[in-house]
Amino acid sequence: MATMVWYPAAGPAPDPNTAILMVSMDAPAATTGPYPLVILIHGLEGTGGLYGALGRQLASYGFVVAAADYDTGLRGPLDEGVGREDQWTTWLLYDRPANVVRVIGYADTLTARGGMLAGIIDTSRIGVWGHSSGGTTVFQAGGAQVNFSELDAWCAVNKNEPSANDTCNFVGHEQAVATHFGVAEPFAAPMPPLWDKRVAALVAGAPGGELHALGDTGIAEVKVPTLIMFASDDAVVLPKDNALWAYDQISSQDKALAVFDSGGHMMFMNSKQANALTTAFFLDILKGHPAGRPRLMPDAVSFPGLSYRTTIH
């Protein structure tokens, strides 16, 4: 997978208030690291480079950011002779979280002795950010498990609801996914978790309609600090059945929910307000930076057009 990596570079500090932070290809890395790793996951059929504004901003605040093109090169030996619908389900529920683990492994090689960014990346505490379908993958990257028995039960009740289309398209294709997980019986138990336990913080922007493949018990396995954001005028996914459900069901003791009055589904590709909140969240959770926690308090996250609540104190 093609993967873009932004990192703090040597030289004068850029101005975070400029419209576009200046970057240089293969610039010498700064020497004040190592810097925590953040993984960016794009939406359906997107590319990692679409989120360059966030990647540059996080790098300017002392993170190394990796954004892969997750939707290329996914076919493997187990996909030979498999129908398109089975491939699609496997792609979303297995390949994407598996490739997050791959990208983390790639960062390990970059920061290892002799690597292109030797000693620069701190992979002991990792943040994962995702948009839309990537927002669903975020929860799997934080320990959520696919639960096909709960998926089928939910779809039996909700299959005629418009919000159920994305998730309920998985029904009938459970065995193909289970085969990739190495499981013979897809309904006997949830699929094994597919994540790197160094993941310590999650941010999901407008998480997609595939979420109910995790079920109530599957998404409850998420226990790391989590920030969920969406726009109330999102016409692509319905927040009530996705983002709000996820916020209520995850087991994270430290979690926050930011609801923008407008912006639509695609606002998280380049929203200064959402990016600022993301930056503060990662500064606090991954770095313990004193500037992070105050910016996450309700009084600080208070401006027209945003509703915010949090268990962080």
C-alpha atoms as a PDB file:
ATOM      1  CA  MET A   1       0.000   0.000   0.000  1.00  0.00           C
ATOM      2  CA  ALA A   2       1.208   3.480  -0.799  1.00  0.00           C
ATOM      3  CA  THR A   3       1.704   5.256   2.528  1.00  0.00           C
ATOM      4  CA  MET A   4       2.367   8.936   3.185  1.00  0.00           C
ATOM      5  CA  VAL A   5       4.226   9.872   6.362  1.00  0.00           C
ATOM      6  CA  TRP A   6       4.394  13.352   7.856  1.00  0.00           C
ATOM      7  CA  TYR A   7       6.888  14.002  10.650  1.00  0.00           C
ATOM      8  CA  PRO A   8       8.519  16.913  12.499  1.00  0.00           C
ATOM      9  CA  ALA A   9      11.462  18.129  10.434  1.00  0.00           C
ATOM     10  CA  ALA A  10      14.591  20.087  11.282  1.00  0.00           C
ATOM     11  CA  GLY A  11      14.470  23.833  10.726  1.00  0.00           C
ATOM     12  CA  PRO A  12      12.316  26.754  11.847  1.00  0.00           C
ATOM     13  CA  ALA A  13       8.956  25.836  13.342  1.00  0.00           C
ATOM     14  CA  PRO A  14       6.067  26.416  10.928  1.00  0.00           C
ATOM     15  CA  ASP A  15       3.225  28.745  11.842  1.00  0.00           C
ATOM     16  CA  PRO A  16       0.198  26.544  12.720  1.00  0.00           C
ATOM     17  CA  ASN A  17      -2.096  29.445  11.824  1.00  0.00           C
ATOM     18  CA  THR A  18      -1.111  29.566   8.172  1.00  0.00           C
ATOM     19  CA  ALA A  19      -3.543  28.170   5.616  1.00  0.00           C
ATOM     20  CA  ILE A  20      -1.126  25.460   4.467  1.00  0.00           C
ATOM     21  CA  LEU A  21       1.821  24.315   6.542  1.00  0.00           C
ATOM     22  CA  MET A  22       4.919  24.050   4.393  1.00  0.00           C
ATOM     23  CA  VAL A  23       6.332  20.560   3.913  1.00  0.00           C
ATOM     24  CA  SER A  24       9.374  19.186   2.118  1.00  0.00           C
ATOM     25  CA  MET A  25       9.825  15.681   0.749  1.00  0.00           C
ATOM     26  CA  ASP A  26      12.305  13.588   2.748  1.00  0.00           C
ATOM     27  CA  ALA A  27      13.378  16.563   4.891  1.00  0.00           C
ATOM     28  CA  PRO A  28      15.849  15.855   7.713  1.00  0.00           C
ATOM     29  CA  ALA A  29      13.893  14.744  10.770  1.00  0.00           C
ATOM     30  CA  ALA A  30      13.924  16.883  13.879  1.00  0.00           C
ATOM     31  CA  THR A  31      16.077  15.604  16.715  1.00  0.00           C
ATOM     32  CA  THR A  32      13.804  16.339  19.679  1.00  0.00           C
ATOM     33  CA  GLY A  33      11.831  13.087  19.373  1.00  0.00           C
ATOM     34  CA  PRO A  34      10.816  10.358  19.436  1.00  0.00           C
ATOM     35  CA  TYR A  35       7.294  11.437  18.525  1.00  0.00           C
ATOM     36  CA  PRO A  36       4.067   9.467  19.074  1.00  0.00           C
ATOM     37  CA  LEU A  37       2.574   7.701  16.055  1.00  0.00           C
ATOM     38  CA  VAL A  38      -0.883   8.544  14.670  1.00  0.00           C
ATOM     39  CA  ILE A  39      -2.524   6.427  11.943  1.00  0.00           C
ATOM     40  CA  LEU A  40      -5.044   8.083   9.590  1.00  0.00           C
ATOM     41  CA  ILE A  41      -7.701   5.905   7.886  1.00  0.00           C
ATOM     42  CA  HIS A  42      -9.535   7.347   4.901  1.00  0.00           C
ATOM     43  CA  GLY A  43     -13.170   6.802   3.944  1.00  0.00           C
ATOM     44  CA  LEU A  44     -14.515   4.384   1.376  1.00  0.00           C
ATOM     45  CA  GLU A  45     -12.510   4.368  -1.878  1.00  0.00           C
ATOM     46  CA  GLY A  46     -10.499   7.409  -0.775  1.00  0.00           C
ATOM     47  CA  THR A  47      -6.751   7.878  -0.306  1.00  0.00           C
ATOM     48  CA  GLY A  48      -4.592   8.794   2.638  1.00  0.00           C
ATOM     49  CA  GLY A  49      -3.355  11.947   0.953  1.00  0.00           C
ATOM     50  CA  LEU A  50      -6.847  13.482   1.141  1.00  0.00           C
ATOM     51  CA  TYR A  51      -6.203  14.158   4.821  1.00  0.00           C
ATOM     52  CA  GLY A  52      -2.968  16.083   4.369  1.00  0.00           C
ATOM     53  CA  ALA A  53      -4.248  19.120   6.284  1.00  0.00           C
ATOM     54  CA  LEU A  54      -4.619  17.021   9.439  1.00  0.00           C
ATOM     55  CA  GLY A  55      -1.372  15.136   8.785  1.00  0.00           C
ATOM     56  CA  ARG A  56       0.614  18.359   8.478  1.00  0.00           C
ATOM     57  CA  GLN A  57      -1.015  19.896  11.528  1.00  0.00           C
ATOM     58  CA  LEU A  58      -0.333  16.904  13.749  1.00  0.00           C
ATOM     59  CA  ALA A  59       3.278  16.757  12.562  1.00  0.00           C
ATOM     60  CA  SER A  60       3.687  20.449  13.487  1.00  0.00           C
ATOM     61  CA  TYR A  61       2.580  19.555  17.034  1.00  0.00           C
ATOM     62  CA  GLY A  62       5.107  16.747  17.401  1.00  0.00           C
ATOM     63  CA  PHE A  63       3.530  13.580  15.990  1.00  0.00           C
ATOM     64  CA  VAL A  64       4.524  11.196  13.216  1.00  0.00           C
ATOM     65  CA  VAL A  65       1.470  10.561  11.035  1.00  0.00           C
ATOM     66  CA  ALA A  66       1.028   7.650   8.609  1.00  0.00           C
ATOM     67  CA  ALA A  67      -1.797   7.572   6.048  1.00  0.00           C
ATOM     68  CA  ALA A  68      -2.007   4.535   3.772  1.00  0.00           C
ATOM     69  CA  ASP A  69      -4.178   3.902   0.720  1.00  0.00           C
ATOM     70  CA  TYR A  70      -6.166   1.085   2.322  1.00  0.00           C
ATOM     71  CA  ASP A  71      -8.353   0.211  -0.624  1.00  0.00           C
ATOM     72  CA  THR A  72      -5.655  -1.041  -2.992  1.00  0.00           C
ATOM     73  CA  GLY A  73      -3.926  -4.395  -3.213  1.00  0.00           C
ATOM     74  CA  LEU A  74      -6.327  -6.182  -0.889  1.00  0.00           C
ATOM     75  CA  ARG A  75      -6.858  -9.401  -2.822  1.00  0.00           C
ATOM     76  CA  GLY A  76      -5.035 -12.447  -1.539  1.00  0.00           C
ATOM     77  CA  PRO A  77      -5.050 -16.247  -1.976  1.00  0.00           C
ATOM     78  CA  LEU A  78      -8.231 -16.614   0.087  1.00  0.00           C
ATOM     79  CA  ASP A  79     -10.075 -14.323  -2.343  1.00  0.00           C
ATOM     80  CA  GLU A  80      -9.545 -16.517  -5.412  1.00  0.00           C
ATOM     81  CA  GLY A  81     -12.895 -17.643  -6.801  1.00  0.00           C
ATOM     82  CA  VAL A  82     -14.795 -15.630  -4.188  1.00  0.00           C
ATOM     83  CA  GLY A  83     -17.797 -13.545  -5.244  1.00  0.00           C
ATOM     84  CA  ARG A  84     -17.662  -9.773  -5.229  1.00  0.00           C
ATOM     85  CA  GLU A  85     -20.074  -9.437  -2.292  1.00  0.00           C
ATOM     86  CA  ASP A  86     -17.924 -11.747  -0.157  1.00  0.00           C
ATOM     87  CA  GLN A  87     -14.834  -9.763  -1.155  1.00  0.00           C
ATOM     88  CA  TRP A  88     -16.549  -6.485  -0.269  1.00  0.00           C
ATOM     89  CA  THR A  89     -17.546  -7.709   3.185  1.00  0.00           C
ATOM     90  CA  THR A  90     -14.095  -9.126   3.841  1.00  0.00           C
ATOM     91  CA  TRP A  91     -12.457  -5.927   2.620  1.00  0.00           C
ATOM     92  CA  LEU A  92     -14.371  -3.804   5.124  1.00  0.00           C
ATOM     93  CA  LEU A  93     -14.419  -6.102   8.150  1.00  0.00           C
ATOM     94  CA  TYR A  94     -11.073  -7.911   7.880  1.00  0.00           C
ATOM     95  CA  ASP A  95      -8.662  -6.336   5.387  1.00  0.00           C
ATOM     96  CA  ARG A  96      -8.953  -2.782   6.658  1.00  0.00           C
ATOM     97  CA  PRO A  97      -8.193  -3.486  10.351  1.00  0.00           C
ATOM     98  CA  ALA A  98      -5.530  -6.010   9.315  1.00  0.00           C
ATOM     99  CA  ASN A  99      -3.848  -3.327   7.250  1.00  0.00           C
ATOM    100  CA  VAL A 100      -3.870  -0.877  10.158  1.00  0.00           C
ATOM    101  CA  VAL A 101      -1.750  -3.462  11.979  1.00  0.00           C
ATOM    102  CA  ARG A 102       0.474  -3.648   8.867  1.00  0.00           C
ATOM    103  CA  VAL A 103       0.994   0.121   8.834  1.00  0.00           C
ATOM    104  CA  ILE A 104       1.954   0.076  12.518  1.00  0.00           C
ATOM    105  CA  GLY A 105       4.485  -2.643  11.683  1.00  0.00           C
ATOM    106  CA  TYR A 106       5.800  -0.462   8.861  1.00  0.00           C
ATOM    107  CA  ALA A 107       6.316   2.375  11.351  1.00  0.00           C
ATOM    108  CA  ASP A 108       8.272  -0.040  13.547  1.00  0.00           C
ATOM    109  CA  THR A 109      10.655  -0.702  10.641  1.00  0.00           C
ATOM    110  CA  LEU A 110      10.986   3.016   9.866  1.00  0.00           C
ATOM    111  CA  THR A 111      12.045   3.848  13.409  1.00  0.00           C
ATOM    112  CA  ALA A 112      14.280   0.782  13.905  1.00  0.00           C
ATOM    113  CA  ARG A 113      18.045   1.104  13.674  1.00  0.00           C
ATOM    114  CA  GLY A 114      18.920   1.681  10.030  1.00  0.00           C
ATOM    115  CA  GLY A 115      15.360   2.759   9.174  1.00  0.00           C
ATOM    116  CA  MET A 116      14.545   5.938   7.247  1.00  0.00           C
ATOM    117  CA  LEU A 117      13.288   7.549  10.484  1.00  0.00           C
ATOM    118  CA  ALA A 118      15.523   5.683  12.932  1.00  0.00           C
ATOM    119  CA  GLY A 119      14.742   6.631  16.520  1.00  0.00           C
ATOM    120  CA  ILE A 120      12.151   9.218  15.453  1.00  0.00           C
ATOM    121  CA  ILE A 121       8.845   7.367  16.056  1.00  0.00           C
ATOM    122  CA  ASP A 122       7.524   6.402  19.479  1.00  0.00           C
ATOM    123  CA  THR A 123       5.324   3.384  18.790  1.00  0.00           C
ATOM    124  CA  SER A 124       4.664   2.591  22.452  1.00  0.00           C
ATOM    125  CA  ARG A 125       1.446   4.673  22.474  1.00  0.00           C
ATOM    126  CA  ILE A 126      -0.399   4.985  19.173  1.00  0.00           C
ATOM    127  CA  GLY A 127      -3.362   7.088  18.069  1.00  0.00           C
ATOM    128  CA  VAL A 128      -5.770   6.044  15.308  1.00  0.00           C
ATOM    129  CA  TRP A 129      -8.036   8.512  13.453  1.00  0.00           C
ATOM    130  CA  GLY A 130     -10.587   7.568  10.800  1.00  0.00           C
ATOM    131  CA  HIS A 131     -13.346   9.079   8.685  1.00  0.00           C
ATOM    132  CA  SER A 132     -16.595   7.421   7.548  1.00  0.00           C
ATOM    133  CA  SER A 133     -15.818   3.734   6.833  1.00  0.00           C
ATOM    134  CA  GLY A 134     -12.409   4.530   8.272  1.00  0.00           C
ATOM    135  CA  GLY A 135     -14.243   5.661  11.403  1.00  0.00           C
ATOM    136  CA  THR A 136     -15.702   2.170  11.698  1.00  0.00           C
ATOM    137  CA  THR A 137     -12.234   0.656  11.260  1.00  0.00           C
ATOM    138  CA  VAL A 138     -11.048   2.897  14.104  1.00  0.00           C
ATOM    139  CA  PHE A 139     -13.118   0.913  16.592  1.00  0.00           C
ATOM    140  CA  GLN A 140     -11.686  -2.388  15.364  1.00  0.00           C
ATOM    141  CA  ALA A 141      -8.229  -0.826  15.647  1.00  0.00           C
ATOM    142  CA  GLY A 142      -9.090  -0.206  19.310  1.00  0.00           C
ATOM    143  CA  GLY A 143     -10.182  -3.753  20.123  1.00  0.00           C
ATOM    144  CA  ALA A 144     -13.786  -4.008  18.873  1.00  0.00           C
ATOM    145  CA  GLN A 145     -14.819  -7.442  17.584  1.00  0.00           C
ATOM    146  CA  VAL A 146     -17.104  -8.392  14.712  1.00  0.00           C
ATOM    147  CA  ASN A 147     -20.134 -10.211  16.125  1.00  0.00           C
ATOM    148  CA  PHE A 148     -22.178 -11.896  13.415  1.00  0.00           C
ATOM    149  CA  SER A 149     -24.875 -13.318  15.677  1.00  0.00           C
ATOM    150  CA  GLU A 150     -25.696  -9.822  16.958  1.00  0.00           C
ATOM    151  CA  LEU A 151     -25.444  -8.397  13.436  1.00  0.00           C
ATOM    152  CA  ASP A 152     -28.014 -10.867  12.111  1.00  0.00           C
ATOM    153  CA  ALA A 153     -30.335 -10.282  15.067  1.00  0.00           C
ATOM    154  CA  TRP A 154     -30.134  -6.506  14.593  1.00  0.00           C
ATOM    155  CA  CYS A 155     -30.799  -6.785  10.858  1.00  0.00           C
ATOM    156  CA  ALA A 156     -33.821  -9.026  11.429  1.00  0.00           C
ATOM    157  CA  VAL A 157     -35.418  -6.120  13.301  1.00  0.00           C
ATOM    158  CA  ASN A 158     -34.021  -3.149  11.343  1.00  0.00           C
ATOM    159  CA  LYS A 159     -33.507  -4.439   7.800  1.00  0.00           C
ATOM    160  CA  ASN A 160     -36.199  -2.178   6.337  1.00  0.00           C
ATOM    161  CA  GLU A 161     -34.712   0.969   7.845  1.00  0.00           C
ATOM    162  CA  PRO A 162     -32.665   3.122   5.401  1.00  0.00           C
ATOM    163  CA  SER A 163     -29.864   3.279   7.953  1.00  0.00           C
ATOM    164  CA  ALA A 164     -29.495  -0.513   7.881  1.00  0.00           C
ATOM    165  CA  ASN A 165     -28.427  -0.902   4.258  1.00  0.00           C
ATOM    166  CA  ASP A 166     -24.662  -0.717   4.761  1.00  0.00           C
ATOM    167  CA  THR A 167     -24.541  -3.121   7.687  1.00  0.00           C
ATOM    168  CA  CYS A 168     -27.210  -5.586   6.610  1.00  0.00           C
ATOM    169  CA  ASN A 169     -25.533  -6.115   3.245  1.00  0.00           C
ATOM    170  CA  PHE A 170     -23.078  -8.245   5.236  1.00  0.00           C
ATOM    171  CA  VAL A 171     -25.742 -10.821   6.074  1.00  0.00           C
ATOM    172  CA  GLY A 172     -25.134 -13.993   4.076  1.00  0.00           C
ATOM    173  CA  HIS A 173     -21.400 -13.337   3.701  1.00  0.00           C
ATOM    174  CA  GLU A 174     -20.295 -14.156   7.225  1.00  0.00           C
ATOM    175  CA  GLN A 175     -18.399 -17.350   6.325  1.00  0.00           C
ATOM    176  CA  ALA A 176     -16.098 -15.565   3.877  1.00  0.00           C
ATOM    177  CA  VAL A 177     -15.018 -13.134   6.594  1.00  0.00           C
ATOM    178  CA  ALA A 178     -14.692 -15.863   9.220  1.00  0.00           C
ATOM    179  CA  THR A 179     -12.357 -17.792   6.907  1.00  0.00           C
ATOM    180  CA  HIS A 180      -9.948 -14.848   6.848  1.00  0.00           C
ATOM    181  CA  PHE A 181     -10.092 -14.654  10.645  1.00  0.00           C
ATOM    182  CA  GLY A 182      -9.259 -18.374  10.765  1.00  0.00           C
ATOM    183  CA  VAL A 183     -12.647 -19.221  12.289  1.00  0.00           C
ATOM    184  CA  ALA A 184     -14.690 -22.207  11.094  1.00  0.00           C
ATOM    185  CA  GLU A 185     -18.073 -21.245  12.593  1.00  0.00           C
ATOM    186  CA  PRO A 186     -18.931 -17.539  12.195  1.00  0.00           C
ATOM    187  CA  PHE A 187     -21.835 -17.538  14.683  1.00  0.00           C
ATOM    188  CA  ALA A 188     -20.297 -19.476  17.566  1.00  0.00           C
ATOM    189  CA  ALA A 189     -18.491 -16.468  19.044  1.00  0.00           C
ATOM    190  CA  PRO A 190     -17.310 -13.003  18.021  1.00  0.00           C
ATOM    191  CA  MET A 191     -14.394 -12.876  15.602  1.00  0.00           C
ATOM    192  CA  PRO A 192     -10.997 -12.527  17.297  1.00  0.00           C
ATOM    193  CA  PRO A 193      -9.907  -8.926  17.904  1.00  0.00           C
ATOM    194  CA  LEU A 194      -7.659  -7.623  15.163  1.00  0.00           C
ATOM    195  CA  TRP A 195      -5.613  -4.823  16.665  1.00  0.00           C
ATOM    196  CA  ASP A 196      -2.256  -3.784  18.067  1.00  0.00           C
ATOM    197  CA  LYS A 197      -2.532  -3.336  21.830  1.00  0.00           C
ATOM    198  CA  ARG A 198      -0.236  -0.327  21.705  1.00  0.00           C
ATOM    199  CA  VAL A 199      -3.183   1.664  20.312  1.00  0.00           C
ATOM    200  CA  ALA A 200      -4.014   4.085  23.128  1.00  0.00           C
ATOM    201  CA  ALA A 201      -6.350   6.712  21.625  1.00  0.00           C
ATOM    202  CA  LEU A 202      -9.098   6.728  18.983  1.00  0.00           C
ATOM    203  CA  VAL A 203     -10.794   9.499  16.981  1.00  0.00           C
ATOM    204  CA  ALA A 204     -13.760   8.641  14.734  1.00  0.00           C
ATOM    205  CA  GLY A 205     -15.241  11.229  12.370  1.00  0.00           C
ATOM    206  CA  ALA A 206     -18.733  10.413  11.055  1.00  0.00           C
ATOM    207  CA  PRO A 207     -18.252   6.641  11.553  1.00  0.00           C
ATOM    208  CA  GLY A 208     -19.935   4.693   8.773  1.00  0.00           C
ATOM    209  CA  GLY A 209     -22.977   2.509   8.550  1.00  0.00           C
ATOM    210  CA  GLU A 210     -21.002  -0.719   8.953  1.00  0.00           C
ATOM    211  CA  LEU A 211     -20.807  -0.264  12.728  1.00  0.00           C
ATOM    212  CA  HIS A 212     -23.543  -2.733  13.665  1.00  0.00           C
ATOM    213  CA  ALA A 213     -21.408  -5.581  12.365  1.00  0.00           C
ATOM    214  CA  LEU A 214     -19.702  -5.183  15.738  1.00  0.00           C
ATOM    215  CA  GLY A 215     -22.876  -5.533  17.795  1.00  0.00           C
ATOM    216  CA  ASP A 216     -23.381  -4.183  21.302  1.00  0.00           C
ATOM    217  CA  THR A 217     -20.904  -6.590  22.878  1.00  0.00           C
ATOM    218  CA  GLY A 218     -18.345  -6.291  20.093  1.00  0.00           C
ATOM    219  CA  ILE A 219     -18.041  -2.509  20.266  1.00  0.00           C
ATOM    220  CA  ALA A 220     -18.090  -2.598  24.073  1.00  0.00           C
ATOM    221  CA  GLU A 221     -14.589  -4.125  23.852  1.00  0.00           C
ATOM    222  CA  VAL A 222     -13.295  -0.604  23.082  1.00  0.00           C
ATOM    223  CA  LYS A 223     -11.814   0.643  26.355  1.00  0.00           C
ATOM    224  CA  VAL A 224      -9.197   3.174  25.241  1.00  0.00           C
ATOM    225  CA  PRO A 225      -9.897   6.949  25.287  1.00  0.00           C
ATOM    226  CA  THR A 226     -12.103   7.872  22.319  1.00  0.00           C
ATOM    227  CA  LEU A 227     -13.309  11.060  20.617  1.00  0.00           C
ATOM    228  CA  ILE A 228     -16.314  10.747  18.278  1.00  0.00           C
ATOM    229  CA  MET A 229     -17.342  13.619  15.982  1.00  0.00           C
ATOM    230  CA  PHE A 230     -20.131  14.107  13.453  1.00  0.00           C
ATOM    231  CA  ALA A 231     -22.221  16.787  11.758  1.00  0.00           C
ATOM    232  CA  SER A 232     -25.931  16.761  12.559  1.00  0.00           C
ATOM    233  CA  ASP A 233     -26.747  17.459   8.895  1.00  0.00           C
ATOM    234  CA  ASP A 234     -24.858  14.371   7.694  1.00  0.00           C
ATOM    235  CA  ALA A 235     -26.986  12.883   4.916  1.00  0.00           C
ATOM    236  CA  VAL A 236     -24.699   9.906   4.217  1.00  0.00           C
ATOM    237  CA  VAL A 237     -24.806   8.119   7.575  1.00  0.00           C
ATOM    238  CA  LEU A 238     -27.406   8.656  10.295  1.00  0.00           C
ATOM    239  CA  PRO A 239     -25.663   9.667  13.540  1.00  0.00           C
ATOM    240  CA  LYS A 240     -28.424   8.258  15.752  1.00  0.00           C
ATOM    241  CA  ASP A 241     -27.756   4.717  14.555  1.00  0.00           C
ATOM    242  CA  ASN A 242     -23.999   5.062  14.276  1.00  0.00           C
ATOM    243  CA  ALA A 243     -21.979   7.719  16.099  1.00  0.00           C
ATOM    244  CA  LEU A 244     -24.411   8.182  18.991  1.00  0.00           C
ATOM    245  CA  TRP A 245     -24.875   4.432  19.376  1.00  0.00           C
ATOM    246  CA  ALA A 246     -21.100   3.930  19.386  1.00  0.00           C
ATOM    247  CA  TYR A 247     -20.587   6.633  22.025  1.00  0.00           C
ATOM    248  CA  ASP A 248     -23.123   4.987  24.323  1.00  0.00           C
ATOM    249  CA  GLN A 249     -21.828   1.430  23.809  1.00  0.00           C
ATOM    250  CA  ILE A 250     -18.036   1.738  24.054  1.00  0.00           C
ATOM    251  CA  SER A 251     -16.554   0.970  27.490  1.00  0.00           C
ATOM    252  CA  SER A 252     -13.981   3.784  27.434  1.00  0.00           C
ATOM    253  CA  GLN A 253     -13.855   5.649  30.736  1.00  0.00           C
ATOM    254  CA  ASP A 254     -12.485   8.717  28.924  1.00  0.00           C
ATOM    255  CA  LYS A 255     -14.620   9.625  25.926  1.00  0.00           C
ATOM    256  CA  ALA A 256     -15.913  12.747  24.207  1.00  0.00           C
ATOM    257  CA  LEU A 257     -18.643  13.503  21.673  1.00  0.00           C
ATOM    258  CA  ALA A 258     -18.541  16.585  19.417  1.00  0.00           C
ATOM    259  CA  VAL A 259     -21.620  17.380  17.307  1.00  0.00           C
ATOM    260  CA  PHE A 260     -21.315  20.084  14.653  1.00  0.00           C
ATOM    261  CA  ASP A 261     -24.542  21.742  13.523  1.00  0.00           C
ATOM    262  CA  SER A 262     -23.443  21.772   9.885  1.00  0.00           C
ATOM    263  CA  GLY A 263     -20.677  20.626   7.593  1.00  0.00           C
ATOM    264  CA  GLY A 264     -22.055  17.385   6.230  1.00  0.00           C
ATOM    265  CA  HIS A 265     -20.383  14.027   5.936  1.00  0.00           C
ATOM    266  CA  MET A 266     -17.206  15.263   4.264  1.00  0.00           C
ATOM    267  CA  MET A 267     -16.334  18.056   6.714  1.00  0.00           C
ATOM    268  CA  PHE A 268     -13.682  15.917   8.388  1.00  0.00           C
ATOM    269  CA  MET A 269     -11.475  16.001   5.324  1.00  0.00           C
ATOM    270  CA  ASN A 270     -10.469  19.562   6.202  1.00  0.00           C
ATOM    271  CA  SER A 271     -12.195  21.160   9.197  1.00  0.00           C
ATOM    272  CA  LYS A 272     -10.039  23.511  11.261  1.00  0.00           C
ATOM    273  CA  GLN A 273     -12.294  23.095  14.294  1.00  0.00           C
ATOM    274  CA  ALA A 274     -12.372  19.292  14.100  1.00  0.00           C
ATOM    275  CA  ASN A 275      -8.620  19.165  13.474  1.00  0.00           C
ATOM    276  CA  ALA A 276      -7.968  21.432  16.460  1.00  0.00           C
ATOM    277  CA  LEU A 277     -10.053  19.191  18.713  1.00  0.00           C
ATOM    278  CA  THR A 278      -8.279  16.099  17.353  1.00  0.00           C
ATOM    279  CA  THR A 279      -4.896  17.696  18.016  1.00  0.00           C
ATOM    280  CA  ALA A 280      -5.808  18.587  21.602  1.00  0.00           C
ATOM    281  CA  PHE A 281      -7.090  15.048  22.186  1.00  0.00           C
ATOM    282  CA  PHE A 282      -3.907  13.391  20.955  1.00  0.00           C
ATOM    283  CA  LEU A 283      -1.723  15.905  22.816  1.00  0.00           C
ATOM    284  CA  ASP A 284      -3.469  14.964  26.041  1.00  0.00           C
ATOM    285  CA  ILE A 285      -3.849  11.198  25.639  1.00  0.00           C
ATOM    286  CA  LEU A 286      -0.636  10.319  23.788  1.00  0.00           C
ATOM    287  CA  LYS A 287       1.728  12.977  25.132  1.00  0.00           C
ATOM    288  CA  GLY A 288       0.212  14.048  28.443  1.00  0.00           C
ATOM    289  CA  HIS A 289       0.893  17.568  27.196  1.00  0.00           C
ATOM    290  CA  PRO A 290      -0.360  20.267  29.610  1.00  0.00           C
ATOM    291  CA  ALA A 291      -1.958  22.148  26.704  1.00  0.00           C
ATOM    292  CA  GLY A 292      -4.130  19.185  25.735  1.00  0.00           C
ATOM    293  CA  ARG A 293      -6.475  18.550  28.685  1.00  0.00           C
ATOM    294  CA  PRO A 294      -7.651  22.176  29.179  1.00  0.00           C
ATOM    295  CA  ARG A 295      -8.652  22.347  25.504  1.00  0.00           C
ATOM    296  CA  LEU A 296     -10.887  19.279  25.960  1.00  0.00           C
ATOM    297  CA  MET A 297     -12.937  20.739  28.807  1.00  0.00           C
ATOM    298  CA  PRO A 298     -16.519  21.769  27.983  1.00  0.00           C
ATOM    299  CA  ASP A 299     -15.839  25.450  28.704  1.00  0.00           C
ATOM    300  CA  ALA A 300     -12.978  25.449  26.184  1.00  0.00           C
ATOM    301  CA  VAL A 301     -14.956  23.573  23.528  1.00  0.00           C
ATOM    302  CA  SER A 302     -17.781  26.083  23.495  1.00  0.00           C
ATOM    303  CA  PHE A 303     -18.688  28.052  20.401  1.00  0.00           C
ATOM    304  CA  PRO A 304     -21.756  28.514  18.197  1.00  0.00           C
ATOM    305  CA  GLY A 305     -22.512  25.511  16.036  1.00  0.00           C
ATOM    306  CA  LEU A 306     -20.984  22.859  18.306  1.00  0.00           C
ATOM    307  CA  SER A 307     -22.476  20.665  21.011  1.00  0.00           C
ATOM    308  CA  TYR A 308     -19.972  18.827  23.166  1.00  0.00           C
ATOM    309  CA  ARG A 309     -19.944  16.431  26.069  1.00  0.00           C
ATOM    310  CA  THR A 310     -17.207  14.415  27.689  1.00  0.00           C
ATOM    311  CA  THR A 311     -16.366  12.159  30.615  1.00  0.00           C
ATOM    312  CA  ILE A 312     -12.814  13.562  30.644  1.00  0.00           C
ATOM    313  CA  HIS A 313     -12.195  15.762  33.661  1.00  0.00           C
END
